[in-house]
C-alpha atoms as a PDB file:
ATOM      1  CA  UNK A   1      13.617  -6.067   2.655  1.00  0.00           C
ATOM      2  CA  UNK A   2      15.907  -5.408  -0.232  1.00  0.00           C
ATOM      3  CA  UNK A   3      13.457  -5.240  -3.134  1.00  0.00           C
ATOM      4  CA  UNK A   4      14.243  -2.490  -5.637  1.00  0.00           C
ATOM      5  CA  UNK A   5      11.090  -0.373  -5.725  1.00  0.00           C
ATOM      6  CA  UNK A   6      12.086   1.328  -8.998  1.00  0.00           C
ATOM      7  CA  UNK A   7      11.062  -1.886 -10.741  1.00  0.00           C
ATOM      8  CA  UNK A   8       7.929  -2.503  -8.669  1.00  0.00           C
ATOM      9  CA  UNK A   9       4.554  -2.734 -10.355  1.00  0.00           C
ATOM     10  CA  UNK A  10       2.303  -0.297  -8.484  1.00  0.00           C
ATOM     11  CA  UNK A  11      -1.489  -0.476  -8.524  1.00  0.00           C
ATOM     12  CA  UNK A  12      -4.359   1.558  -7.143  1.00  0.00           C
ATOM     13  CA  UNK A  13      -7.468   0.107  -5.614  1.00  0.00           C
ATOM     14  CA  UNK A  14     -10.422  -0.405  -7.920  1.00  0.00           C
ATOM     15  CA  UNK A  15     -12.377   1.504  -5.258  1.00  0.00           C
ATOM     16  CA  UNK A  16     -10.335   4.655  -5.910  1.00  0.00           C
ATOM     17  CA  UNK A  17     -12.276   7.587  -7.254  1.00  0.00           C
ATOM     18  CA  UNK A  18     -11.106  10.128  -9.793  1.00  0.00           C
ATOM     19  CA  UNK A  19      -9.258  12.202  -7.203  1.00  0.00           C
ATOM     20  CA  UNK A  20      -5.649  11.980  -6.140  1.00  0.00           C
ATOM     21  CA  UNK A  21      -6.338  10.777  -2.610  1.00  0.00           C
ATOM     22  CA  UNK A  22      -5.272   7.202  -3.179  1.00  0.00           C
ATOM     23  CA  UNK A  23      -2.574   4.879  -2.034  1.00  0.00           C
ATOM     24  CA  UNK A  24      -0.813   2.439  -4.300  1.00  0.00           C
ATOM     25  CA  UNK A  25       0.416  -1.016  -3.418  1.00  0.00           C
ATOM     26  CA  UNK A  26       3.175  -3.151  -4.902  1.00  0.00           C
ATOM     27  CA  UNK A  27       3.541  -6.856  -4.265  1.00  0.00           C
ATOM     28  CA  UNK A  28       7.197  -7.644  -3.557  1.00  0.00           C
ATOM     29  CA  UNK A  29       9.197 -10.810  -3.147  1.00  0.00           C
ATOM     30  CA  UNK A  30       9.148 -10.353   0.622  1.00  0.00           C
ATOM     31  CA  UNK A  31       5.835  -8.645   1.351  1.00  0.00           C
ATOM     32  CA  UNK A  32       4.205  -5.449   0.159  1.00  0.00           C
ATOM     33  CA  UNK A  33       4.944  -1.769  -0.230  1.00  0.00           C
ATOM     34  CA  UNK A  34       2.457   1.096   0.043  1.00  0.00           C
ATOM     35  CA  UNK A  35       2.930   4.680  -1.155  1.00  0.00           C
ATOM     36  CA  UNK A  36       0.969   7.901  -1.637  1.00  0.00           C
ATOM     37  CA  UNK A  37      -0.176   8.182  -5.250  1.00  0.00           C
ATOM     38  CA  UNK A  38       0.124  12.001  -5.106  1.00  0.00           C
ATOM     39  CA  UNK A  39       3.769  11.868  -4.094  1.00  0.00           C
ATOM     40  CA  UNK A  40       5.335   8.550  -5.121  1.00  0.00           C
ATOM     41  CA  UNK A  41       8.887   9.895  -4.804  1.00  0.00           C
ATOM     42  CA  UNK A  42       8.390  10.499  -1.075  1.00  0.00           C
ATOM     43  CA  UNK A  43       9.032   6.842  -0.370  1.00  0.00           C
ATOM     44  CA  UNK A  44       7.041   3.798   0.546  1.00  0.00           C
ATOM     45  CA  UNK A  45       6.079   1.848   3.603  1.00  0.00           C
ATOM     46  CA  UNK A  46       7.307  -1.741   3.318  1.00  0.00           C
ATOM     47  CA  UNK A  47       5.522  -4.489   5.188  1.00  0.00           C
ATOM     48  CA  UNK A  48       6.289  -8.175   5.501  1.00  0.00           C
ATOM     49  CA  UNK A  49       3.398 -10.377   4.366  1.00  0.00           C
ATOM     50  CA  UNK A  50       2.309 -11.170   7.934  1.00  0.00           C
ATOM     51  CA  UNK A  51       1.997  -7.453   8.793  1.00  0.00           C
ATOM     52  CA  UNK A  52       0.182  -6.751   5.499  1.00  0.00           C
ATOM     53  CA  UNK A  53      -2.406  -9.383   6.403  1.00  0.00           C
ATOM     54  CA  UNK A  54      -2.911  -7.788   9.825  1.00  0.00           C
ATOM     55  CA  UNK A  55      -3.312  -4.338   8.243  1.00  0.00           C
ATOM     56  CA  UNK A  56      -5.874  -5.626   5.740  1.00  0.00           C
ATOM     57  CA  UNK A  57      -7.817  -7.441   8.476  1.00  0.00           C
ATOM     58  CA  UNK A  58      -7.921  -4.251  10.558  1.00  0.00           C
ATOM     59  CA  UNK A  59      -9.074  -2.200   7.559  1.00  0.00           C
ATOM     60  CA  UNK A  60     -11.819  -4.700   6.714  1.00  0.00           C
ATOM     61  CA  UNK A  61     -13.069  -4.811  10.305  1.00  0.00           C
ATOM     62  CA  UNK A  62     -13.404  -1.023  10.443  1.00  0.00           C
ATOM     63  CA  UNK A  63     -11.036  -0.646  13.372  1.00  0.00           C
ATOM     64  CA  UNK A  64      -8.974   1.894  11.397  1.00  0.00           C
ATOM     65  CA  UNK A  65     -11.933   4.164  10.586  1.00  0.00           C
ATOM     66  CA  UNK A  66     -11.401   7.665  11.934  1.00  0.00           C
ATOM     67  CA  UNK A  67     -15.059   8.703  11.857  1.00  0.00           C
END
């Protein structure tokens, strides 16, 4: 993916609390990018749309829960 992330519009989940333990997501021309809101300059994980959908399905199903 060649999207320039310096121009990306980043957003936090509406479920985020007041703390700094959030991730941010940006919708790109060719998928999505995810980054740590505490350290946005550390880089971002870029995912094609198909992989983003798989990640969201896994998160919704609870299969990513660590508890």
